[in-house]
N, C-alpha and C. Protein backbone atom coordinates (compact mmCIF):
# COMPACT_ATOMS: atom_id res chain seq x y z
N TYR A 1 85.20 31.33 -57.15
CA TYR A 1 85.41 30.69 -58.43
C TYR A 1 85.99 31.68 -59.42
N GLU A 2 86.85 31.18 -60.28
CA GLU A 2 87.39 31.99 -61.35
C GLU A 2 86.49 31.81 -62.56
N LEU A 3 86.08 32.92 -63.16
CA LEU A 3 85.19 32.89 -64.31
C LEU A 3 85.87 33.57 -65.47
N LYS A 4 85.97 32.88 -66.59
CA LYS A 4 86.57 33.46 -67.78
C LYS A 4 85.45 33.96 -68.69
N VAL A 5 85.60 35.20 -69.13
CA VAL A 5 84.59 35.81 -70.01
C VAL A 5 85.30 36.44 -71.21
N PRO A 6 84.57 36.71 -72.28
CA PRO A 6 85.20 37.33 -73.45
C PRO A 6 85.84 38.68 -73.10
N VAL A 7 86.94 38.99 -73.78
CA VAL A 7 87.66 40.24 -73.56
C VAL A 7 86.69 41.42 -73.71
N GLY A 8 86.76 42.34 -72.78
CA GLY A 8 85.93 43.54 -72.83
C GLY A 8 84.56 43.40 -72.18
N THR A 9 84.22 42.20 -71.68
CA THR A 9 82.90 42.02 -71.07
C THR A 9 82.94 41.88 -69.56
N GLY A 10 84.14 41.92 -68.98
CA GLY A 10 84.29 41.71 -67.54
C GLY A 10 83.45 42.63 -66.68
N THR A 11 83.47 43.91 -66.99
CA THR A 11 82.70 44.87 -66.20
C THR A 11 81.21 44.59 -66.28
N ALA A 12 80.72 44.32 -67.48
CA ALA A 12 79.29 44.03 -67.66
C ALA A 12 78.88 42.77 -66.90
N VAL A 13 79.73 41.75 -66.94
CA VAL A 13 79.43 40.51 -66.22
C VAL A 13 79.44 40.76 -64.72
N GLU A 14 80.42 41.49 -64.22
CA GLU A 14 80.47 41.81 -62.79
C GLU A 14 79.23 42.56 -62.34
N GLU A 15 78.81 43.54 -63.14
CA GLU A 15 77.62 44.32 -62.80
C GLU A 15 76.39 43.43 -62.74
N GLN A 16 76.23 42.56 -63.76
CA GLN A 16 75.07 41.67 -63.80
C GLN A 16 75.07 40.71 -62.63
N LEU A 17 76.23 40.16 -62.31
CA LEU A 17 76.32 39.23 -61.19
C LEU A 17 76.03 39.92 -59.86
N SER A 18 76.45 41.17 -59.74
CA SER A 18 76.23 41.89 -58.48
C SER A 18 74.75 42.20 -58.27
N ILE A 19 73.99 42.38 -59.35
CA ILE A 19 72.57 42.68 -59.17
C ILE A 19 71.69 41.43 -59.19
N SER A 20 72.27 40.29 -59.56
CA SER A 20 71.53 39.03 -59.56
C SER A 20 71.40 38.52 -58.14
N ALA A 21 70.35 37.81 -57.90
CA ALA A 21 70.17 37.21 -56.58
C ALA A 21 71.20 36.11 -56.42
N SER A 22 72.17 36.33 -55.54
CA SER A 22 73.28 35.38 -55.40
C SER A 22 72.82 33.98 -55.01
N MET A 23 71.82 33.85 -54.17
CA MET A 23 71.35 32.52 -53.80
C MET A 23 70.77 31.79 -55.00
N ARG A 24 70.11 32.53 -55.86
CA ARG A 24 69.48 31.92 -57.03
C ARG A 24 70.55 31.34 -57.97
N LEU A 25 71.69 32.01 -58.09
CA LEU A 25 72.76 31.53 -58.94
C LEU A 25 73.53 30.39 -58.29
N ALA A 26 73.67 30.44 -56.97
CA ALA A 26 74.51 29.49 -56.27
C ALA A 26 73.81 28.18 -55.94
N SER A 27 72.51 28.20 -55.83
CA SER A 27 71.82 26.98 -55.38
C SER A 27 70.90 26.45 -56.48
N LEU A 28 71.52 25.87 -57.47
CA LEU A 28 70.76 25.28 -58.56
C LEU A 28 70.23 23.91 -58.15
N ASP A 29 69.12 23.51 -58.75
CA ASP A 29 68.58 22.19 -58.52
C ASP A 29 69.09 21.27 -59.63
N TRP A 30 69.51 20.07 -59.27
CA TRP A 30 70.08 19.12 -60.21
C TRP A 30 69.32 17.82 -60.13
N TYR A 31 69.30 17.10 -61.23
CA TYR A 31 68.71 15.76 -61.28
C TYR A 31 69.70 14.87 -62.04
N THR A 32 69.95 13.68 -61.52
CA THR A 32 70.82 12.73 -62.20
C THR A 32 69.94 11.70 -62.90
N ALA A 33 70.08 11.62 -64.22
CA ALA A 33 69.28 10.70 -65.02
C ALA A 33 69.56 9.25 -64.64
N ARG A 34 68.50 8.47 -64.66
CA ARG A 34 68.61 7.03 -64.38
C ARG A 34 68.34 6.25 -65.66
N GLN A 35 68.70 4.98 -65.65
CA GLN A 35 68.45 4.11 -66.79
C GLN A 35 66.97 4.17 -67.17
N GLY A 36 66.68 4.42 -68.43
CA GLY A 36 65.29 4.46 -68.91
C GLY A 36 64.63 5.83 -68.84
N ASP A 37 65.29 6.79 -68.22
CA ASP A 37 64.72 8.15 -68.14
C ASP A 37 64.67 8.79 -69.52
N THR A 38 63.62 9.54 -69.76
CA THR A 38 63.50 10.38 -70.96
C THR A 38 63.24 11.79 -70.48
N LEU A 39 63.42 12.77 -71.36
CA LEU A 39 63.15 14.15 -70.97
C LEU A 39 61.70 14.30 -70.51
N ALA A 40 60.78 13.68 -71.24
CA ALA A 40 59.36 13.79 -70.88
C ALA A 40 59.08 13.20 -69.51
N LEU A 41 59.66 12.03 -69.23
CA LEU A 41 59.45 11.36 -67.95
C LEU A 41 60.04 12.18 -66.80
N VAL A 42 61.26 12.68 -66.99
CA VAL A 42 61.92 13.47 -65.94
C VAL A 42 61.14 14.78 -65.72
N ALA A 43 60.73 15.43 -66.79
CA ALA A 43 59.98 16.68 -66.67
C ALA A 43 58.69 16.45 -65.88
N LYS A 44 57.97 15.37 -66.21
CA LYS A 44 56.72 15.07 -65.50
C LYS A 44 57.00 14.79 -64.02
N LYS A 45 58.04 14.00 -63.75
CA LYS A 45 58.42 13.64 -62.39
C LYS A 45 58.75 14.88 -61.55
N LEU A 46 59.42 15.87 -62.20
CA LEU A 46 59.86 17.06 -61.48
C LEU A 46 58.88 18.23 -61.55
N GLY A 47 57.82 18.05 -62.33
CA GLY A 47 56.80 19.10 -62.43
C GLY A 47 57.24 20.31 -63.24
N VAL A 48 58.04 20.08 -64.28
CA VAL A 48 58.47 21.18 -65.16
C VAL A 48 58.10 20.82 -66.59
N ALA A 49 58.05 21.81 -67.45
CA ALA A 49 57.76 21.56 -68.86
C ALA A 49 58.97 20.89 -69.52
N LYS A 50 58.69 19.95 -70.40
CA LYS A 50 59.76 19.26 -71.12
C LYS A 50 60.62 20.25 -71.89
N THR A 51 60.01 21.24 -72.53
CA THR A 51 60.76 22.23 -73.30
C THR A 51 61.66 23.07 -72.40
N ASP A 52 61.18 23.39 -71.19
CA ASP A 52 61.99 24.16 -70.25
C ASP A 52 63.19 23.34 -69.76
N LEU A 53 62.95 22.05 -69.49
CA LEU A 53 64.03 21.17 -69.05
C LEU A 53 65.08 21.03 -70.16
N ALA A 54 64.62 20.85 -71.39
CA ALA A 54 65.54 20.74 -72.52
C ALA A 54 66.35 22.02 -72.70
N ALA A 55 65.67 23.17 -72.66
CA ALA A 55 66.35 24.45 -72.85
C ALA A 55 67.36 24.73 -71.74
N ALA A 56 67.02 24.38 -70.52
CA ALA A 56 67.92 24.63 -69.39
C ALA A 56 69.23 23.85 -69.54
N ASN A 57 69.16 22.74 -70.28
CA ASN A 57 70.33 21.89 -70.44
C ASN A 57 70.90 21.92 -71.85
N ASP A 58 70.44 22.88 -72.63
CA ASP A 58 70.90 23.06 -74.01
C ASP A 58 70.76 21.77 -74.81
N LEU A 59 69.59 21.14 -74.66
CA LEU A 59 69.29 19.89 -75.35
C LEU A 59 68.11 20.08 -76.29
N ALA A 60 68.04 19.30 -77.33
CA ALA A 60 66.85 19.26 -78.18
C ALA A 60 65.76 18.55 -77.40
N SER A 61 64.51 18.88 -77.67
CA SER A 61 63.39 18.23 -76.97
C SER A 61 63.36 16.72 -77.20
N SER A 62 63.96 16.28 -78.28
CA SER A 62 63.97 14.85 -78.61
C SER A 62 65.25 14.15 -78.14
N ALA A 63 66.12 14.85 -77.42
CA ALA A 63 67.40 14.28 -76.99
C ALA A 63 67.19 13.08 -76.07
N ARG A 64 68.08 12.12 -76.22
CA ARG A 64 68.07 10.94 -75.34
C ARG A 64 68.97 11.22 -74.14
N LEU A 65 68.53 10.73 -73.00
CA LEU A 65 69.32 10.90 -71.78
C LEU A 65 70.17 9.66 -71.54
N ILE A 66 71.31 9.87 -70.91
CA ILE A 66 72.22 8.79 -70.57
C ILE A 66 72.21 8.66 -69.05
N ALA A 67 72.14 7.42 -68.57
CA ALA A 67 72.16 7.19 -67.13
C ALA A 67 73.39 7.86 -66.54
N GLY A 68 73.20 8.63 -65.47
CA GLY A 68 74.29 9.34 -64.83
C GLY A 68 74.42 10.79 -65.30
N GLN A 69 73.74 11.13 -66.38
CA GLN A 69 73.80 12.51 -66.90
C GLN A 69 73.16 13.46 -65.90
N LYS A 70 73.86 14.56 -65.60
CA LYS A 70 73.35 15.55 -64.66
C LYS A 70 72.57 16.61 -65.42
N LEU A 71 71.37 16.91 -64.94
CA LEU A 71 70.50 17.89 -65.57
C LEU A 71 70.21 19.04 -64.61
N ILE A 72 70.24 20.25 -65.14
CA ILE A 72 69.80 21.41 -64.37
C ILE A 72 68.29 21.41 -64.40
N VAL A 73 67.66 21.61 -63.25
CA VAL A 73 66.21 21.65 -63.17
C VAL A 73 65.78 23.12 -63.08
N PRO A 74 65.05 23.60 -64.08
CA PRO A 74 64.62 25.00 -64.05
C PRO A 74 63.59 25.23 -62.94
N ARG A 75 63.74 26.32 -62.24
CA ARG A 75 62.81 26.63 -61.15
C ARG A 75 61.59 27.37 -61.64
N GLU A 76 61.76 28.18 -62.67
CA GLU A 76 60.66 28.95 -63.23
C GLU A 76 60.94 29.17 -64.71
N ALA A 77 59.92 29.44 -65.46
CA ALA A 77 60.05 29.53 -66.91
C ALA A 77 61.12 30.51 -67.36
N LYS A 78 61.24 31.66 -66.71
CA LYS A 78 62.20 32.66 -67.16
C LYS A 78 63.63 32.36 -66.70
N ALA A 79 63.81 31.40 -65.80
CA ALA A 79 65.14 31.13 -65.27
C ALA A 79 65.76 29.88 -65.86
N GLN A 80 65.09 29.24 -66.81
CA GLN A 80 65.59 27.96 -67.26
C GLN A 80 66.96 27.99 -67.89
N THR A 81 67.38 29.09 -68.47
CA THR A 81 68.71 29.10 -69.09
C THR A 81 69.70 29.94 -68.29
N ALA A 82 69.38 30.30 -67.09
CA ALA A 82 70.25 31.17 -66.29
C ALA A 82 71.64 30.59 -66.10
N ALA A 83 71.73 29.31 -65.79
CA ALA A 83 73.04 28.72 -65.54
C ALA A 83 73.91 28.70 -66.79
N ARG A 84 73.30 28.51 -67.95
CA ARG A 84 74.05 28.43 -69.20
C ARG A 84 74.37 29.79 -69.80
N THR A 85 73.55 30.83 -69.46
CA THR A 85 73.68 32.10 -70.17
C THR A 85 73.96 33.30 -69.27
N ALA A 86 74.33 33.07 -68.02
CA ALA A 86 74.53 34.19 -67.10
C ALA A 86 75.51 35.22 -67.65
N ALA A 87 76.67 34.78 -68.08
CA ALA A 87 77.64 35.72 -68.63
C ALA A 87 77.23 36.21 -70.00
N GLN A 88 76.65 35.33 -70.79
CA GLN A 88 76.26 35.67 -72.16
C GLN A 88 75.20 36.76 -72.18
N THR A 89 74.20 36.69 -71.31
CA THR A 89 73.10 37.64 -71.35
C THR A 89 73.46 39.00 -70.75
N SER A 90 74.55 39.07 -70.02
CA SER A 90 74.91 40.34 -69.41
C SER A 90 75.77 41.21 -70.31
N ALA A 91 76.29 40.63 -71.36
CA ALA A 91 77.16 41.36 -72.28
C ALA A 91 76.41 41.67 -73.57
N PRO A 92 76.84 42.67 -74.32
CA PRO A 92 76.19 42.93 -75.60
C PRO A 92 76.27 41.69 -76.48
N ALA A 93 75.23 41.47 -77.28
CA ALA A 93 75.18 40.29 -78.12
C ALA A 93 76.29 40.28 -79.15
N VAL A 94 76.56 41.43 -79.73
CA VAL A 94 77.60 41.53 -80.75
C VAL A 94 78.31 42.86 -80.57
N ASP A 95 79.50 42.95 -81.11
CA ASP A 95 80.25 44.21 -81.07
C ASP A 95 79.65 45.13 -82.13
N LEU A 96 78.98 46.17 -81.67
CA LEU A 96 78.29 47.07 -82.59
C LEU A 96 79.08 48.33 -82.87
N SER A 97 80.33 48.39 -82.43
CA SER A 97 81.11 49.61 -82.59
C SER A 97 81.35 49.97 -84.04
N ASN A 98 81.44 48.98 -84.92
CA ASN A 98 81.72 49.25 -86.32
C ASN A 98 80.75 48.43 -87.19
N ALA A 99 79.45 48.44 -86.80
CA ALA A 99 78.50 47.61 -87.50
C ALA A 99 77.14 48.28 -87.60
N SER A 100 76.34 47.82 -88.55
CA SER A 100 74.95 48.21 -88.62
C SER A 100 74.13 46.94 -88.47
N LEU A 101 72.89 47.08 -88.01
CA LEU A 101 72.07 45.91 -87.76
C LEU A 101 71.23 45.55 -88.98
N SER A 102 71.07 44.26 -89.18
CA SER A 102 70.24 43.75 -90.25
C SER A 102 69.15 42.89 -89.62
N LYS A 103 67.90 43.11 -90.03
CA LYS A 103 66.79 42.32 -89.51
C LYS A 103 66.66 41.05 -90.34
N VAL A 104 66.60 39.90 -89.64
CA VAL A 104 66.51 38.60 -90.30
C VAL A 104 65.29 37.88 -89.76
N SER A 105 64.59 37.19 -90.63
CA SER A 105 63.47 36.34 -90.21
C SER A 105 63.95 34.90 -90.27
N TYR A 106 63.79 34.16 -89.18
CA TYR A 106 64.28 32.79 -89.09
C TYR A 106 63.12 31.87 -88.77
N GLN A 107 63.00 30.78 -89.52
CA GLN A 107 61.97 29.78 -89.24
C GLN A 107 62.57 28.67 -88.39
N VAL A 108 61.94 28.40 -87.24
CA VAL A 108 62.42 27.39 -86.29
C VAL A 108 62.33 26.00 -86.90
N LYS A 109 63.44 25.27 -86.80
CA LYS A 109 63.54 23.92 -87.34
C LYS A 109 63.46 22.89 -86.20
N PRO A 110 63.17 21.63 -86.53
CA PRO A 110 63.11 20.60 -85.48
C PRO A 110 64.42 20.55 -84.69
N GLY A 111 64.31 20.51 -83.36
CA GLY A 111 65.49 20.42 -82.51
C GLY A 111 66.10 21.75 -82.13
N ASP A 112 65.65 22.85 -82.76
CA ASP A 112 66.18 24.17 -82.41
C ASP A 112 65.80 24.56 -81.00
N THR A 113 66.70 25.26 -80.33
CA THR A 113 66.41 25.90 -79.05
C THR A 113 66.82 27.35 -79.19
N LEU A 114 66.36 28.20 -78.31
CA LEU A 114 66.79 29.59 -78.37
C LEU A 114 68.30 29.68 -78.21
N SER A 115 68.88 28.82 -77.38
CA SER A 115 70.33 28.83 -77.19
C SER A 115 71.07 28.49 -78.47
N SER A 116 70.60 27.47 -79.18
CA SER A 116 71.29 27.08 -80.42
C SER A 116 71.14 28.15 -81.50
N ILE A 117 69.97 28.77 -81.57
CA ILE A 117 69.75 29.84 -82.54
C ILE A 117 70.61 31.05 -82.19
N ALA A 118 70.69 31.38 -80.91
CA ALA A 118 71.51 32.52 -80.47
C ALA A 118 72.97 32.32 -80.86
N ARG A 119 73.48 31.10 -80.69
CA ARG A 119 74.86 30.82 -81.07
C ARG A 119 75.09 31.04 -82.56
N VAL A 120 74.16 30.57 -83.40
CA VAL A 120 74.30 30.71 -84.84
C VAL A 120 74.36 32.17 -85.26
N PHE A 121 73.55 33.01 -84.61
CA PHE A 121 73.47 34.42 -84.99
C PHE A 121 74.30 35.34 -84.10
N SER A 122 75.19 34.76 -83.28
CA SER A 122 76.08 35.54 -82.39
C SER A 122 75.31 36.54 -81.55
N THR A 123 74.27 36.06 -80.91
CA THR A 123 73.49 36.90 -80.00
C THR A 123 73.24 36.11 -78.72
N ASN A 124 72.22 36.46 -77.95
CA ASN A 124 71.94 35.73 -76.73
C ASN A 124 70.45 35.48 -76.58
N VAL A 125 70.09 34.59 -75.67
CA VAL A 125 68.70 34.18 -75.47
C VAL A 125 67.83 35.36 -75.04
N THR A 126 68.34 36.20 -74.16
CA THR A 126 67.56 37.34 -73.70
C THR A 126 67.17 38.26 -74.85
N ALA A 127 68.12 38.53 -75.74
CA ALA A 127 67.83 39.39 -76.89
C ALA A 127 66.77 38.75 -77.78
N LEU A 128 66.90 37.46 -78.05
CA LEU A 128 65.89 36.77 -78.87
C LEU A 128 64.51 36.86 -78.23
N MET A 129 64.45 36.66 -76.93
CA MET A 129 63.17 36.74 -76.23
C MET A 129 62.60 38.16 -76.30
N ASP A 130 63.45 39.17 -76.13
CA ASP A 130 62.99 40.56 -76.21
C ASP A 130 62.49 40.92 -77.60
N TRP A 131 63.28 40.59 -78.62
CA TRP A 131 62.91 40.93 -79.99
C TRP A 131 61.61 40.29 -80.43
N ASN A 132 61.30 39.12 -79.86
CA ASN A 132 60.12 38.37 -80.27
C ASN A 132 59.02 38.36 -79.23
N HIS A 133 59.17 39.18 -78.19
CA HIS A 133 58.16 39.34 -77.13
C HIS A 133 57.78 37.99 -76.53
N LEU A 134 58.80 37.16 -76.25
CA LEU A 134 58.57 35.84 -75.67
C LEU A 134 58.67 35.92 -74.15
N THR A 135 57.81 35.20 -73.46
CA THR A 135 57.86 35.16 -71.99
C THR A 135 58.45 33.84 -71.51
N SER A 136 58.72 32.93 -72.45
CA SER A 136 59.31 31.63 -72.15
C SER A 136 60.28 31.29 -73.27
N SER A 137 61.22 30.42 -73.00
CA SER A 137 62.16 30.03 -74.06
C SER A 137 61.60 28.90 -74.92
N ALA A 138 60.38 28.48 -74.64
CA ALA A 138 59.76 27.44 -75.45
C ALA A 138 59.43 28.00 -76.84
N ILE A 139 59.90 27.31 -77.86
CA ILE A 139 59.60 27.72 -79.24
C ILE A 139 59.08 26.51 -80.00
N ARG A 140 58.24 26.78 -81.00
CA ARG A 140 57.65 25.70 -81.78
C ARG A 140 58.27 25.62 -83.16
N GLU A 141 58.42 24.40 -83.63
CA GLU A 141 58.88 24.17 -84.99
C GLU A 141 57.97 24.91 -85.96
N GLY A 142 58.57 25.62 -86.91
CA GLY A 142 57.80 26.36 -87.90
C GLY A 142 57.55 27.81 -87.51
N ALA A 143 57.74 28.15 -86.23
CA ALA A 143 57.53 29.53 -85.80
C ALA A 143 58.57 30.44 -86.46
N ARG A 144 58.22 31.68 -86.68
CA ARG A 144 59.15 32.66 -87.27
C ARG A 144 59.66 33.57 -86.17
N LEU A 145 60.99 33.72 -86.10
CA LEU A 145 61.62 34.61 -85.14
C LEU A 145 62.25 35.77 -85.87
N THR A 146 62.18 36.94 -85.27
CA THR A 146 62.89 38.11 -85.79
C THR A 146 64.21 38.20 -85.06
N ILE A 147 65.29 38.34 -85.83
CA ILE A 147 66.63 38.41 -85.25
C ILE A 147 67.35 39.60 -85.86
N TYR A 148 68.03 40.37 -85.02
CA TYR A 148 68.84 41.48 -85.50
C TYR A 148 70.29 41.06 -85.40
N THR A 149 70.99 41.08 -86.49
CA THR A 149 72.37 40.64 -86.51
C THR A 149 73.25 41.75 -87.08
N ALA A 150 74.49 41.78 -86.68
CA ALA A 150 75.40 42.84 -87.08
C ALA A 150 76.01 42.54 -88.45
N ILE A 151 76.08 43.59 -89.25
CA ILE A 151 76.80 43.55 -90.52
C ILE A 151 77.97 44.49 -90.32
N HIS A 152 79.17 43.95 -90.25
CA HIS A 152 80.35 44.76 -89.96
C HIS A 152 80.84 45.50 -91.19
N ALA A 153 81.17 46.78 -90.99
CA ALA A 153 81.75 47.59 -92.06
C ALA A 153 83.26 47.34 -92.11
N ASN A 154 83.85 47.48 -93.27
CA ASN A 154 85.30 47.24 -93.40
C ASN A 154 86.11 48.43 -93.07
């Protein structure tokens, strides 16, 4: 497969992919939503947490499913976003060559996921989990997250 990654991150992505378990990346579990399925129902049926299922598919916990929609089924709590963030987590979150870091406190809002927060702050899920000592991508509304973001010098 041809994989497009941001300029300057090719080597980092190749290194990360080479050390990742290739079978784990290649053999994802999928579920096709049926009429009447909800995230909660599918999560219960598959034996996974609703928040993990939502995060793995970059969905809000309250998202509605559409019949025929394909969902990635997380195998374990730490792997739920692997398919969505494999390239993203292997590269630096931001270009720090001409920047200093600023510590930001963020309060989680309804519908937020670590993926959506990472996009807003130009970082990645792994960094957010590390900075906040999280062992799962499950986050609660109202929780405070510490985020380090780059302030670029001119």
